[in-house]
Amino acid sequence: MATMTPNQIKKTFARARAAQEAGQFADAVKGYQRILKARPQLAEVHFNLGVILTRQGRAAEAAAAFEQALKLKPLEPAIWLEYLRLASLHPRLENLKALLKRADGIKGLGPNLTYFQALASADDPKRSAALFREAINAGIKIPRAHIRLGELLAKRGETDMALAEFDAAIDLDTNDDLALSKKAELLRSTGETDAAIETIERAITAAPQEGAHYKTYTSIAKVAPDDPIIADMKRLLRRKSKSDRSLGHLGHALAKAMEDTGQHDQVFEYLRMATGSIKSRFPFDANIERASIETIRQLHQDMRDDVGSFEKKPRAVFVTGLPRSGTTLVEQIISSHTDVVGGGELGLLGPHMTQTLDLKDAPFEERLASLRQAGEAYRSDLEVRFPDAPVVTDKSITTFTLLGLIATALPDCRIILVRRDPRDNALSIFKNHFEEGKHRYSNDLGDIGTFIRLAEDQIAFWREHRPESFMEIRYEDLVEDLEPVARQLVSYAGLEWQDACLNFHQNKRRVDTLSSEQVRRPLYSSSVGAWKRYEADMKPFIDRYLELGGTLPE
């Protein structure tokens, strides 16, 4: 074991602390490690080493350092707080929950404990929001607390309160790029484009190395040829390693910029780079999709005669179809009616339906009862979220996979299925950056072909077995002649016609999907046939689609 005098330890510790404060972490780590070789029982050194390792993203080493510190000082609240902060960065909530159990009874944690409990309750949004509010009211001054609360409020549709939380986070730290980006995204969803652009520009200034901010910027603004952000993105791209998680965002942002500026020959170069990066981390398994579809079809057996009544005015109108097929436009048209509230992608029915899907081997009566219970639970959720709305639209896009089961669970609902030329649909899917881990097929043109064919087969199944349970429209028909199709949509929803449905772009409701900018403009047809510009690049999709039995429009 190395030897150091108490005076040497004191001086080395002081230099290491100074290096740590200056952000010179490598020097600080060397100093702390030198001390620990001589005096491994110094809890404060293990603690500071853990803090640095956390900042460097070396989670396993940081956890080991905190464990050593706790062995020496098991009741020290500062150690527990930093260790909890480390655990809160891990995507698995179980890690944080387990550490919170160990921290139970430790004095001196104050409202920080409530804050970490709120983070650990992410799987229970209502409880999580309440705990964040409790922590904030108790005096916690952490921007992330306001950001997370703002996100929860935004999901509940409480836009003004969500914006207030993002602003509170920014007040605590004017350079908090996450708060700025969340605020920009929310402003975009409400149609406040100029304010959204200004806010995301502030986020880019605060964190110019974060690729996600450029993706948000290009999704809001139409990039001009002389926009300096193009050169900034290219410089940043050259500095990124192939394993950098922000490559997906940056590649999609540059692809959008190339399209905006007419440099179409470069669009797919950046798209392939972006989607390849994402696919390496989130591969697509078509067998999982096939198994899910088969389970749904099995559950549908023997339920054909249990559709129920078809009331004149439904409580819920589902708008469904593949991503980027035109569902947001259809919802915008219907929700422009004064009797309708546009709910967006509510995601309320899925959790209730999961219980039914788990009963594929149960007796028919049990499965049917479960479906009915799912429908009642969904109605209750709508009453809580939209107590005064006569009709609510729900644009949870993958509803089409469950179409027949939903018609059984909610016989008074309406289901509108939107179809689009598969080539345009595939191109739009490939060009857009979805939340990572979701829509895994979207990062490979061949996988998109597989997924679209699976979707078409499932739609054909419902067309054969439950044709009366849904209305089917083509996006191209809607674009070509808006009024007659819009009138059919409104009538099918059980509503009297209103001319406001033709002026859907004036609808001020929040739109959280990738199409939020498009539906705030009058109807345009430039996206019809857009695939032709990239016909050679689209070959992997077309080949796979045709190989699996797809039929392309003339």
Protein backbone atom coordinates (compact mmCIF):
# COMPACT_ATOMS: atom_id res chain seq x y z
CA MET A 1 0.00 0.00 0.00
CA ALA A 2 1.32 3.47 -0.88
CA THR A 3 2.08 5.81 2.00
CA MET A 4 1.18 9.47 2.33
CA THR A 5 1.49 11.81 5.28
CA PRO A 6 -1.63 13.55 6.54
CA ASN A 7 -0.29 16.81 5.10
CA GLN A 8 0.27 15.20 1.68
CA ILE A 9 -3.25 13.79 1.74
CA LYS A 10 -4.65 17.21 2.60
CA LYS A 11 -2.77 18.93 -0.24
CA THR A 12 -3.59 16.20 -2.78
CA PHE A 13 -7.25 16.32 -1.82
CA ALA A 14 -7.31 20.12 -2.19
CA ARG A 15 -5.76 19.90 -5.67
CA ALA A 16 -8.18 17.15 -6.70
CA ARG A 17 -11.16 19.19 -5.48
CA ALA A 18 -9.93 22.24 -7.38
CA ALA A 19 -9.54 20.15 -10.54
CA GLN A 20 -13.04 18.72 -10.02
CA GLU A 21 -14.54 22.20 -9.64
CA ALA A 22 -12.75 23.29 -12.83
CA GLY A 23 -14.11 20.32 -14.76
CA GLN A 24 -10.67 18.75 -15.10
CA PHE A 25 -12.02 15.35 -14.16
CA ALA A 26 -9.07 13.22 -15.31
CA ASP A 27 -6.69 15.10 -13.00
CA ALA A 28 -9.20 14.95 -10.16
CA VAL A 29 -9.66 11.18 -10.55
CA LYS A 30 -5.90 10.61 -10.51
CA GLY A 31 -5.60 12.61 -7.28
CA TYR A 32 -8.45 10.80 -5.54
CA GLN A 33 -7.18 7.39 -6.61
CA ARG A 34 -3.72 8.24 -5.29
CA ILE A 35 -5.21 9.11 -1.91
CA LEU A 36 -7.29 5.91 -1.79
CA LYS A 37 -4.23 3.76 -2.36
CA ALA A 38 -2.82 5.19 0.86
CA ARG A 39 -6.04 5.73 2.86
CA PRO A 40 -8.95 3.64 1.44
CA GLN A 41 -11.11 4.40 4.47
CA LEU A 42 -11.77 8.05 3.53
CA ALA A 43 -15.48 8.22 2.69
CA GLU A 44 -15.30 11.74 1.29
CA VAL A 45 -12.77 10.67 -1.34
CA HIS A 46 -14.92 7.73 -2.47
CA PHE A 47 -17.88 10.13 -2.57
CA ASN A 48 -16.18 12.73 -4.77
CA LEU A 49 -14.86 10.01 -7.04
CA GLY A 50 -18.43 8.71 -7.43
CA VAL A 51 -19.68 12.18 -8.32
CA ILE A 52 -17.07 12.56 -11.07
CA LEU A 53 -17.66 9.07 -12.46
CA THR A 54 -21.39 9.84 -12.59
CA ARG A 55 -20.69 12.98 -14.63
CA GLN A 56 -18.52 10.94 -16.98
CA GLY A 57 -21.27 8.38 -17.55
CA ARG A 58 -19.29 5.57 -15.89
CA ALA A 59 -22.28 4.33 -13.94
CA ALA A 60 -20.97 0.97 -12.69
CA GLU A 61 -17.75 2.51 -11.36
CA ALA A 62 -19.68 5.39 -9.79
CA ALA A 63 -22.03 2.96 -8.03
CA ALA A 64 -19.04 1.05 -6.64
CA ALA A 65 -17.54 4.30 -5.32
CA PHE A 66 -20.80 5.28 -3.60
CA GLU A 67 -21.13 1.82 -2.07
CA GLN A 68 -17.64 2.18 -0.58
CA ALA A 69 -18.54 5.61 0.77
CA LEU A 70 -21.72 4.24 2.38
CA LYS A 71 -19.84 1.42 4.05
CA LEU A 72 -17.77 4.06 5.83
CA LYS A 73 -20.59 6.56 6.45
CA PRO A 74 -23.93 4.75 6.07
CA LEU A 75 -26.03 7.63 7.44
CA GLU A 76 -24.50 10.48 5.42
CA PRO A 77 -27.37 12.08 3.41
CA ALA A 78 -25.06 13.69 0.82
CA ILE A 79 -23.84 10.26 -0.28
CA TRP A 80 -27.38 8.90 -0.51
CA LEU A 81 -28.55 11.88 -2.57
CA GLU A 82 -25.77 11.56 -5.14
CA TYR A 83 -26.28 7.80 -5.31
CA LEU A 84 -30.01 8.30 -5.84
CA ARG A 85 -29.22 10.82 -8.56
CA LEU A 86 -27.07 8.20 -10.29
CA ALA A 87 -29.82 5.58 -10.01
CA SER A 88 -32.37 8.04 -11.42
CA LEU A 89 -30.35 8.24 -14.66
CA HIS A 90 -30.81 4.51 -15.34
CA PRO A 91 -33.72 3.61 -17.65
CA ARG A 92 -34.87 0.76 -15.37
CA LEU A 93 -37.07 2.14 -12.59
CA GLU A 94 -36.33 -0.95 -10.49
CA ASN A 95 -32.80 0.33 -9.78
CA LEU A 96 -34.06 3.58 -8.31
CA LYS A 97 -36.90 1.88 -6.43
CA ALA A 98 -34.48 -0.59 -4.82
CA LEU A 99 -32.15 2.20 -3.70
CA LEU A 100 -35.05 4.21 -2.29
CA LYS A 101 -35.97 1.24 -0.11
CA ARG A 102 -32.43 1.18 1.25
CA ALA A 103 -32.57 4.94 1.90
CA ASP A 104 -35.79 4.66 3.89
CA GLY A 105 -35.29 6.20 7.33
CA ILE A 106 -32.15 8.20 6.45
CA LYS A 107 -32.47 11.66 8.00
CA GLY A 108 -31.57 14.84 6.18
CA LEU A 109 -32.80 13.92 2.70
CA GLY A 110 -35.64 16.45 2.86
CA PRO A 111 -37.76 17.14 -0.24
CA ASN A 112 -35.05 15.53 -2.38
CA LEU A 113 -36.41 12.17 -1.26
CA THR A 114 -39.88 13.10 -2.52
CA TYR A 115 -38.33 14.18 -5.82
CA PHE A 116 -36.64 10.82 -6.32
CA GLN A 117 -39.85 9.04 -5.31
CA ALA A 118 -41.60 11.01 -8.04
CA LEU A 119 -39.01 9.87 -10.59
CA ALA A 120 -39.42 6.27 -9.43
CA SER A 121 -43.20 6.52 -9.94
CA ALA A 122 -42.95 7.15 -13.68
CA ASP A 123 -45.09 4.04 -14.28
CA ASP A 124 -47.91 5.74 -12.32
CA PRO A 125 -48.29 9.20 -13.92
CA LYS A 126 -50.92 10.45 -11.48
CA ARG A 127 -48.83 9.60 -8.41
CA SER A 128 -45.67 10.88 -10.07
CA ALA A 129 -47.23 14.28 -10.81
CA ALA A 130 -48.52 14.58 -7.24
CA LEU A 131 -45.08 13.79 -5.81
CA PHE A 132 -43.33 16.27 -8.10
CA ARG A 133 -45.79 18.94 -6.99
CA GLU A 134 -45.20 18.02 -3.35
CA ALA A 135 -41.43 18.23 -3.78
CA ILE A 136 -41.66 21.60 -5.54
CA ASN A 137 -44.00 23.02 -2.89
CA ALA A 138 -41.57 21.80 -0.23
CA GLY A 139 -38.84 23.94 -1.76
CA ILE A 140 -36.99 21.63 -4.15
CA LYS A 141 -35.18 23.74 -6.74
CA ILE A 142 -34.23 21.24 -9.43
CA PRO A 143 -35.10 22.13 -13.06
CA ARG A 144 -35.70 18.46 -13.83
CA ALA A 145 -38.57 18.36 -11.31
CA HIS A 146 -40.40 21.11 -13.18
CA ILE A 147 -39.56 19.54 -16.55
CA ARG A 148 -40.92 16.13 -15.61
CA LEU A 149 -44.04 17.65 -14.08
CA GLY A 150 -44.48 19.74 -17.22
CA GLU A 151 -44.26 16.63 -19.39
CA LEU A 152 -46.93 14.88 -17.31
CA LEU A 153 -49.22 17.91 -17.48
CA ALA A 154 -48.71 18.18 -21.23
CA LYS A 155 -49.75 14.54 -21.68
CA ARG A 156 -52.93 15.30 -19.74
CA GLY A 157 -53.67 18.20 -22.10
CA GLU A 158 -53.01 20.89 -19.49
CA THR A 159 -50.95 23.02 -21.87
CA ASP A 160 -50.82 26.31 -19.94
CA MET A 161 -49.78 24.60 -16.71
CA ALA A 162 -47.15 22.58 -18.58
CA LEU A 163 -45.68 25.72 -20.12
CA ALA A 164 -45.57 27.30 -16.66
CA GLU A 165 -43.50 24.36 -15.37
CA PHE A 166 -41.06 24.56 -18.29
CA ASP A 167 -40.72 28.29 -17.63
CA ALA A 168 -40.08 27.59 -13.94
CA ALA A 169 -37.26 25.24 -14.93
CA ILE A 170 -35.81 27.89 -17.24
CA ASP A 171 -36.03 30.47 -14.43
CA LEU A 172 -33.87 28.18 -12.30
CA ASP A 173 -31.38 27.71 -15.15
CA THR A 174 -31.69 29.90 -18.24
CA ASN A 175 -29.38 27.50 -20.11
CA ASP A 176 -31.30 24.31 -19.35
CA ASP A 177 -31.51 23.02 -22.91
CA LEU A 178 -33.92 20.21 -22.03
CA ALA A 179 -36.47 22.65 -20.59
CA LEU A 180 -36.07 24.90 -23.61
CA SER A 181 -36.53 22.03 -26.07
CA LYS A 182 -39.61 20.72 -24.24
CA LYS A 183 -41.12 24.19 -24.26
CA ALA A 184 -40.36 24.56 -27.98
CA GLU A 185 -42.05 21.25 -28.77
CA LEU A 186 -45.14 22.24 -26.81
CA LEU A 187 -45.28 25.64 -28.51
CA ARG A 188 -45.07 23.90 -31.87
CA SER A 189 -48.02 21.68 -30.96
CA THR A 190 -50.16 24.75 -30.28
CA GLY A 191 -49.19 26.43 -33.55
CA GLU A 192 -46.98 29.12 -32.00
CA THR A 193 -44.30 28.58 -34.62
CA ASP A 194 -42.26 31.77 -34.22
CA ALA A 195 -42.03 31.36 -30.44
CA ALA A 196 -41.14 27.69 -30.87
CA ILE A 197 -38.29 28.52 -33.27
CA GLU A 198 -36.92 31.22 -30.96
CA THR A 199 -37.02 28.81 -28.01
CA ILE A 200 -35.31 25.92 -29.78
CA GLU A 201 -32.62 28.30 -31.03
CA ARG A 202 -31.91 29.12 -27.38
CA ALA A 203 -31.62 25.38 -26.67
CA ILE A 204 -29.11 25.00 -29.51
CA THR A 205 -27.06 27.91 -28.16
CA ALA A 206 -27.09 26.35 -24.69
CA ALA A 207 -26.14 22.85 -25.94
CA PRO A 208 -24.77 23.07 -29.51
CA GLN A 209 -23.52 19.47 -29.33
CA GLU A 210 -27.01 17.97 -28.82
CA GLY A 211 -28.33 16.59 -32.12
CA ALA A 212 -31.94 16.35 -30.91
CA HIS A 213 -32.27 20.13 -30.82
CA TYR A 214 -31.39 20.43 -34.50
CA LYS A 215 -34.01 17.80 -35.29
CA THR A 216 -36.62 19.84 -33.41
CA TYR A 217 -35.52 23.02 -35.19
CA THR A 218 -35.81 21.51 -38.67
CA SER A 219 -39.18 19.94 -37.82
CA ILE A 220 -40.55 23.41 -37.02
CA ALA A 221 -38.77 25.69 -39.48
CA LYS A 222 -38.35 25.48 -43.24
CA VAL A 223 -34.59 25.68 -43.65
CA ALA A 224 -33.33 28.31 -46.10
CA PRO A 225 -30.23 27.70 -48.29
CA ASP A 226 -28.29 30.41 -46.44
CA ASP A 227 -29.28 29.24 -42.96
CA PRO A 228 -26.00 28.91 -40.99
CA ILE A 229 -27.48 25.98 -39.10
CA ILE A 230 -26.69 23.71 -42.10
CA ALA A 231 -22.94 24.33 -41.73
CA ASP A 232 -23.24 23.98 -37.96
CA MET A 233 -24.90 20.57 -38.31
CA LYS A 234 -22.32 19.33 -40.80
CA ARG A 235 -19.46 20.40 -38.53
CA LEU A 236 -21.10 18.69 -35.57
CA LEU A 237 -21.67 15.55 -37.62
CA ARG A 238 -17.96 15.31 -38.46
CA ARG A 239 -17.17 15.30 -34.74
CA LYS A 240 -19.66 12.58 -33.82
CA SER A 241 -18.60 8.97 -33.47
CA LYS A 242 -20.64 6.19 -35.12
CA SER A 243 -21.88 5.11 -31.69
CA ASP A 244 -23.15 8.56 -30.68
CA ARG A 245 -26.86 8.34 -29.83
CA SER A 246 -27.60 11.76 -31.30
CA LEU A 247 -26.59 10.68 -34.82
CA GLY A 248 -30.17 9.66 -35.55
CA HIS A 249 -31.50 13.11 -34.70
CA LEU A 250 -28.71 14.90 -36.54
CA GLY A 251 -29.01 12.76 -39.66
CA HIS A 252 -32.78 13.29 -39.87
CA ALA A 253 -32.27 17.03 -39.34
CA LEU A 254 -29.78 17.26 -42.19
CA ALA A 255 -32.01 15.18 -44.47
CA LYS A 256 -34.87 17.62 -43.82
CA ALA A 257 -32.55 20.57 -44.48
CA MET A 258 -31.40 19.03 -47.77
CA GLU A 259 -35.02 18.53 -48.84
CA ASP A 260 -35.99 22.07 -47.84
CA THR A 261 -33.11 23.52 -49.85
CA GLY A 262 -33.68 21.38 -52.93
CA GLN A 263 -30.56 19.23 -52.50
CA HIS A 264 -32.53 16.04 -53.06
CA ASP A 265 -29.53 13.97 -54.09
CA GLN A 266 -28.22 14.22 -50.51
CA VAL A 267 -31.44 13.45 -48.64
CA PHE A 268 -31.06 9.66 -48.55
CA GLU A 269 -27.38 9.88 -47.71
CA TYR A 270 -28.28 11.46 -44.38
CA LEU A 271 -31.38 9.32 -43.89
CA ARG A 272 -29.39 6.10 -44.23
CA MET A 273 -26.84 7.36 -41.74
CA ALA A 274 -29.58 8.31 -39.25
CA THR A 275 -31.70 5.19 -39.57
CA GLY A 276 -28.68 2.89 -39.57
CA SER A 277 -27.57 4.35 -36.25
CA ILE A 278 -31.00 3.84 -34.70
CA LYS A 279 -31.54 0.36 -36.17
CA SER A 280 -28.27 -0.88 -34.65
CA ARG A 281 -29.76 -0.19 -31.22
CA PHE A 282 -33.41 -1.01 -31.91
CA PRO A 283 -33.67 -3.84 -34.48
CA PHE A 284 -37.02 -4.88 -35.90
CA ASP A 285 -38.35 -8.42 -35.45
CA ALA A 286 -41.21 -9.17 -37.85
CA ASN A 287 -41.99 -12.41 -36.02
CA ILE A 288 -43.07 -10.46 -32.95
CA GLU A 289 -45.53 -8.49 -35.09
CA ARG A 290 -46.85 -11.67 -36.72
CA ALA A 291 -47.36 -13.34 -33.33
CA SER A 292 -49.26 -10.31 -32.04
CA ILE A 293 -51.53 -10.27 -35.08
CA GLU A 294 -52.21 -13.98 -34.73
CA THR A 295 -53.17 -13.53 -31.07
CA ILE A 296 -55.63 -10.79 -32.03
CA ARG A 297 -57.20 -12.94 -34.75
CA GLN A 298 -57.58 -15.86 -32.38
CA LEU A 299 -59.33 -13.65 -29.83
CA HIS A 300 -61.71 -12.47 -32.50
CA GLN A 301 -63.07 -15.99 -33.00
CA ASP A 302 -66.71 -16.44 -31.92
CA MET A 303 -67.20 -12.70 -31.35
CA ARG A 304 -68.62 -11.95 -34.76
CA ASP A 305 -72.21 -11.69 -33.55
CA ASP A 306 -71.50 -9.53 -30.51
CA VAL A 307 -71.16 -6.15 -32.18
CA GLY A 308 -74.02 -4.47 -30.33
CA SER A 309 -75.97 -1.36 -31.26
CA PHE A 310 -74.75 1.41 -33.55
CA GLU A 311 -75.86 4.64 -31.91
CA LYS A 312 -76.41 7.83 -33.91
CA LYS A 313 -73.80 9.91 -32.10
CA PRO A 314 -70.80 8.05 -30.66
CA ARG A 315 -68.75 9.14 -27.68
CA ALA A 316 -65.46 8.18 -29.34
CA VAL A 317 -64.33 8.37 -32.95
CA PHE A 318 -61.13 6.45 -33.62
CA VAL A 319 -58.96 7.65 -36.51
CA THR A 320 -56.43 4.99 -37.39
CA GLY A 321 -54.00 3.81 -40.03
CA LEU A 322 -50.27 3.49 -40.55
CA PRO A 323 -48.05 6.30 -39.25
CA ARG A 324 -47.80 9.14 -41.79
CA SER A 325 -50.88 7.96 -43.67
CA GLY A 326 -52.99 11.10 -43.15
CA THR A 327 -54.64 10.31 -39.82
CA THR A 328 -53.73 13.68 -38.30
CA LEU A 329 -55.39 15.50 -41.20
CA VAL A 330 -58.57 13.45 -40.84
CA GLU A 331 -58.69 14.07 -37.09
CA GLN A 332 -58.12 17.79 -37.67
CA ILE A 333 -61.09 17.92 -40.05
CA ILE A 334 -63.47 16.14 -37.67
CA SER A 335 -62.27 17.98 -34.57
CA SER A 336 -62.97 21.32 -36.26
CA HIS A 337 -66.64 20.53 -35.54
CA THR A 338 -67.96 22.38 -32.49
CA ASP A 339 -69.24 19.15 -30.91
CA VAL A 340 -65.87 17.41 -31.13
CA VAL A 341 -62.71 17.58 -29.05
CA GLY A 342 -59.55 16.32 -30.74
CA GLY A 343 -57.93 13.96 -28.28
CA GLY A 344 -54.88 13.09 -30.37
CA GLU A 345 -52.97 9.91 -29.62
CA LEU A 346 -54.64 9.23 -26.27
CA GLY A 347 -53.23 5.78 -25.61
CA LEU A 348 -56.03 5.10 -23.11
CA LEU A 349 -57.51 1.93 -24.57
CA GLY A 350 -54.31 -0.06 -25.08
CA PRO A 351 -53.58 -0.77 -21.40
CA HIS A 352 -57.14 -2.01 -20.88
CA MET A 353 -57.00 -4.22 -23.98
CA THR A 354 -53.75 -5.82 -22.83
CA GLN A 355 -55.63 -7.79 -20.18
CA THR A 356 -57.93 -9.22 -22.85
CA LEU A 357 -55.02 -10.14 -25.11
CA ASP A 358 -53.57 -12.16 -22.26
CA LEU A 359 -56.73 -14.29 -22.23
CA LYS A 360 -56.31 -15.91 -25.65
CA ASP A 361 -56.74 -19.40 -24.18
CA ALA A 362 -59.64 -18.51 -21.84
CA PRO A 363 -63.29 -19.47 -22.45
CA PHE A 364 -65.26 -17.27 -24.82
CA GLU A 365 -67.45 -15.82 -22.05
CA GLU A 366 -64.40 -14.72 -20.08
CA ARG A 367 -62.79 -13.07 -23.10
CA LEU A 368 -65.99 -11.26 -24.04
CA ALA A 369 -66.48 -10.04 -20.46
CA SER A 370 -62.91 -8.75 -20.46
CA LEU A 371 -63.52 -6.85 -23.69
CA ARG A 372 -66.67 -5.27 -22.27
CA GLN A 373 -64.78 -4.27 -19.13
CA ALA A 374 -62.04 -2.72 -21.28
CA GLY A 375 -64.68 -0.67 -23.09
CA GLU A 376 -66.25 0.55 -19.85
CA ALA A 377 -62.85 1.46 -18.42
CA TYR A 378 -62.08 3.44 -21.58
CA ARG A 379 -65.40 5.30 -21.32
CA SER A 380 -64.56 6.18 -17.72
CA ASP A 381 -61.16 7.47 -18.78
CA LEU A 382 -62.81 9.70 -21.40
CA GLU A 383 -65.19 11.10 -18.78
CA VAL A 384 -62.26 12.05 -16.57
CA ARG A 385 -60.20 13.61 -19.37
CA PHE A 386 -63.05 15.18 -21.38
CA PRO A 387 -66.08 15.54 -19.07
CA ASP A 388 -67.88 18.14 -21.21
CA ALA A 389 -67.07 16.87 -24.72
CA PRO A 390 -69.98 15.31 -26.65
CA VAL A 391 -67.54 13.51 -28.98
CA VAL A 392 -63.81 12.83 -28.66
CA THR A 393 -61.46 11.74 -31.44
CA ASP A 394 -58.75 9.24 -30.60
CA LYS A 395 -55.88 9.01 -33.09
CA SER A 396 -53.99 6.09 -31.56
CA ILE A 397 -52.68 4.95 -34.94
CA THR A 398 -52.19 1.21 -34.36
CA THR A 399 -55.85 0.87 -33.43
CA PHE A 400 -56.34 -0.80 -36.81
CA THR A 401 -54.63 -3.97 -35.56
CA LEU A 402 -57.34 -4.35 -32.88
CA LEU A 403 -60.20 -3.02 -34.98
CA GLY A 404 -62.67 -5.88 -34.57
CA LEU A 405 -62.01 -6.27 -30.85
CA ILE A 406 -62.50 -2.54 -30.30
CA ALA A 407 -65.80 -2.67 -32.18
CA THR A 408 -66.91 -5.39 -29.75
CA ALA A 409 -65.65 -3.54 -26.67
CA LEU A 410 -67.18 -0.22 -27.78
CA PRO A 411 -70.14 -0.93 -30.07
CA ASP A 412 -71.12 2.76 -29.97
CA CYS A 413 -67.78 4.00 -31.31
CA ARG A 414 -66.84 4.88 -34.89
CA ILE A 415 -63.59 3.75 -36.50
CA ILE A 416 -62.14 5.56 -39.51
CA LEU A 417 -59.27 3.85 -41.31
CA VAL A 418 -57.00 6.00 -43.50
CA ARG A 419 -55.06 4.43 -46.38
CA ARG A 420 -52.30 5.98 -48.50
CA ASP A 421 -50.19 4.96 -51.50
CA PRO A 422 -47.71 2.59 -49.82
CA ARG A 423 -44.73 4.21 -51.58
CA ASP A 424 -45.55 7.69 -50.27
CA ASN A 425 -46.41 6.21 -46.91
CA ALA A 426 -43.12 4.33 -46.72
CA LEU A 427 -41.10 7.38 -47.76
CA SER A 428 -42.72 9.54 -45.12
CA ILE A 429 -42.13 6.92 -42.42
CA PHE A 430 -38.46 6.58 -43.39
CA LYS A 431 -37.95 10.35 -43.42
CA ASN A 432 -39.30 10.94 -39.93
CA HIS A 433 -37.62 10.38 -36.60
CA PHE A 434 -39.95 8.57 -34.21
CA GLU A 435 -39.40 8.11 -30.49
CA GLU A 436 -36.52 5.68 -30.27
CA GLY A 437 -37.54 2.13 -29.44
CA LYS A 438 -40.97 2.59 -31.02
CA HIS A 439 -41.83 1.86 -34.67
CA ARG A 440 -38.62 -0.14 -35.01
CA TYR A 441 -39.47 -1.06 -38.58
CA SER A 442 -39.15 2.62 -39.58
CA ASN A 443 -35.35 2.51 -39.76
CA ASP A 444 -35.05 0.16 -42.75
CA LEU A 445 -36.88 0.37 -46.08
CA GLY A 446 -37.15 -3.41 -46.33
CA ASP A 447 -38.57 -3.63 -42.81
CA ILE A 448 -41.07 -0.91 -43.69
CA GLY A 449 -42.17 -3.04 -46.64
CA THR A 450 -42.64 -6.02 -44.33
CA PHE A 451 -44.61 -4.02 -41.79
CA ILE A 452 -46.90 -2.38 -44.35
CA ARG A 453 -47.72 -5.79 -45.83
CA LEU A 454 -48.50 -7.17 -42.36
CA ALA A 455 -50.76 -4.16 -41.79
CA GLU A 456 -52.51 -4.61 -45.13
CA ASP A 457 -53.15 -8.27 -44.39
CA GLN A 458 -54.65 -7.38 -41.02
CA ILE A 459 -56.85 -4.71 -42.60
CA ALA A 460 -57.99 -7.26 -45.20
CA PHE A 461 -58.89 -9.61 -42.33
CA TRP A 462 -61.13 -6.97 -40.75
CA ARG A 463 -62.54 -6.04 -44.16
CA GLU A 464 -63.66 -9.66 -44.52
CA HIS A 465 -64.87 -10.29 -40.96
CA ARG A 466 -66.03 -6.87 -39.67
CA PRO A 467 -66.76 -4.66 -42.70
CA GLU A 468 -69.62 -2.89 -40.93
CA SER A 469 -67.39 -1.80 -38.06
CA PHE A 470 -65.28 0.81 -39.81
CA MET A 471 -65.13 3.36 -42.61
CA GLU A 472 -62.18 3.31 -44.99
CA ILE A 473 -60.91 6.33 -46.94
CA ARG A 474 -57.91 7.06 -49.16
CA TYR A 475 -55.68 10.02 -48.37
CA GLU A 476 -55.36 10.78 -52.10
CA ASP A 477 -59.17 11.06 -52.47
CA LEU A 478 -59.29 13.50 -49.57
CA VAL A 479 -56.57 15.67 -51.09
CA GLU A 480 -58.07 15.58 -54.56
CA ASP A 481 -61.58 16.63 -53.54
CA LEU A 482 -61.83 17.67 -49.90
CA GLU A 483 -65.49 18.58 -49.39
CA PRO A 484 -67.31 15.37 -50.39
CA VAL A 485 -64.90 13.20 -48.40
CA ALA A 486 -65.05 15.56 -45.43
CA ARG A 487 -68.85 15.41 -45.51
CA GLN A 488 -68.70 11.60 -45.48
CA LEU A 489 -66.38 11.69 -42.48
CA VAL A 490 -68.59 14.06 -40.51
CA SER A 491 -71.74 12.11 -41.34
CA TYR A 492 -70.14 8.80 -40.37
CA ALA A 493 -69.18 10.35 -37.02
CA GLY A 494 -72.90 10.98 -36.40
CA LEU A 495 -72.62 14.75 -36.71
CA GLU A 496 -74.42 17.48 -38.62
CA TRP A 497 -72.29 19.20 -41.24
CA GLN A 498 -70.44 22.41 -40.37
CA ASP A 499 -68.40 24.45 -42.86
CA ALA A 500 -65.69 24.85 -40.22
CA CYS A 501 -64.59 21.32 -41.09
CA LEU A 502 -63.32 22.64 -44.44
CA ASN A 503 -61.24 25.26 -42.63
CA PHE A 504 -59.40 22.69 -40.51
CA HIS A 505 -56.14 24.66 -40.75
CA GLN A 506 -57.71 27.36 -38.57
CA ASN A 507 -58.33 24.86 -35.77
CA LYS A 508 -56.27 26.01 -32.76
CA ARG A 509 -56.20 22.70 -30.90
CA ARG A 510 -52.91 21.12 -29.83
CA VAL A 511 -51.39 18.69 -32.33
CA ASP A 512 -48.55 16.64 -30.86
CA THR A 513 -47.78 14.46 -33.86
CA LEU A 514 -45.10 14.89 -36.53
CA SER A 515 -47.77 16.42 -38.79
CA SER A 516 -48.47 19.40 -36.52
CA GLU A 517 -47.10 21.95 -39.01
CA GLN A 518 -48.80 20.45 -42.08
CA VAL A 519 -52.34 20.50 -40.68
CA ARG A 520 -52.07 24.19 -39.87
CA ARG A 521 -51.82 24.99 -43.58
CA PRO A 522 -54.59 24.82 -46.21
CA LEU A 523 -54.79 21.50 -48.01
CA TYR A 524 -51.93 20.83 -50.42
CA SER A 525 -51.15 17.95 -52.78
CA SER A 526 -47.36 18.13 -53.04
CA SER A 527 -46.94 15.01 -50.88
CA VAL A 528 -48.93 12.88 -53.34
CA GLY A 529 -46.45 11.06 -55.55
CA ALA A 530 -43.47 12.42 -53.61
CA TRP A 531 -41.83 8.97 -53.77
CA LYS A 532 -41.14 9.45 -57.51
CA ARG A 533 -38.32 11.90 -56.77
CA TYR A 534 -36.56 9.14 -54.82
CA GLU A 535 -37.63 6.14 -56.91
CA ALA A 536 -34.14 4.63 -57.11
CA ASP A 537 -33.57 5.08 -53.37
CA MET A 538 -36.95 3.51 -52.63
CA LYS A 539 -36.09 0.26 -54.43
CA PRO A 540 -35.43 -1.78 -51.22
CA PHE A 541 -38.95 -0.97 -50.05
CA ILE A 542 -40.63 -1.64 -53.41
CA ASP A 543 -38.81 -4.94 -53.87
CA ARG A 544 -39.75 -6.22 -50.40
CA TYR A 545 -43.33 -4.98 -50.69
CA LEU A 546 -43.88 -6.70 -54.04
CA GLU A 547 -42.07 -9.84 -52.89
CA LEU A 548 -44.59 -10.16 -50.03
CA GLY A 549 -47.57 -9.87 -52.35
CA GLY A 550 -48.24 -6.16 -52.28
CA THR A 551 -50.06 -4.38 -55.10
CA LEU A 552 -48.95 -0.90 -56.13
CA PRO A 553 -51.44 1.68 -57.46
CA GLU A 554 -51.20 2.66 -61.11
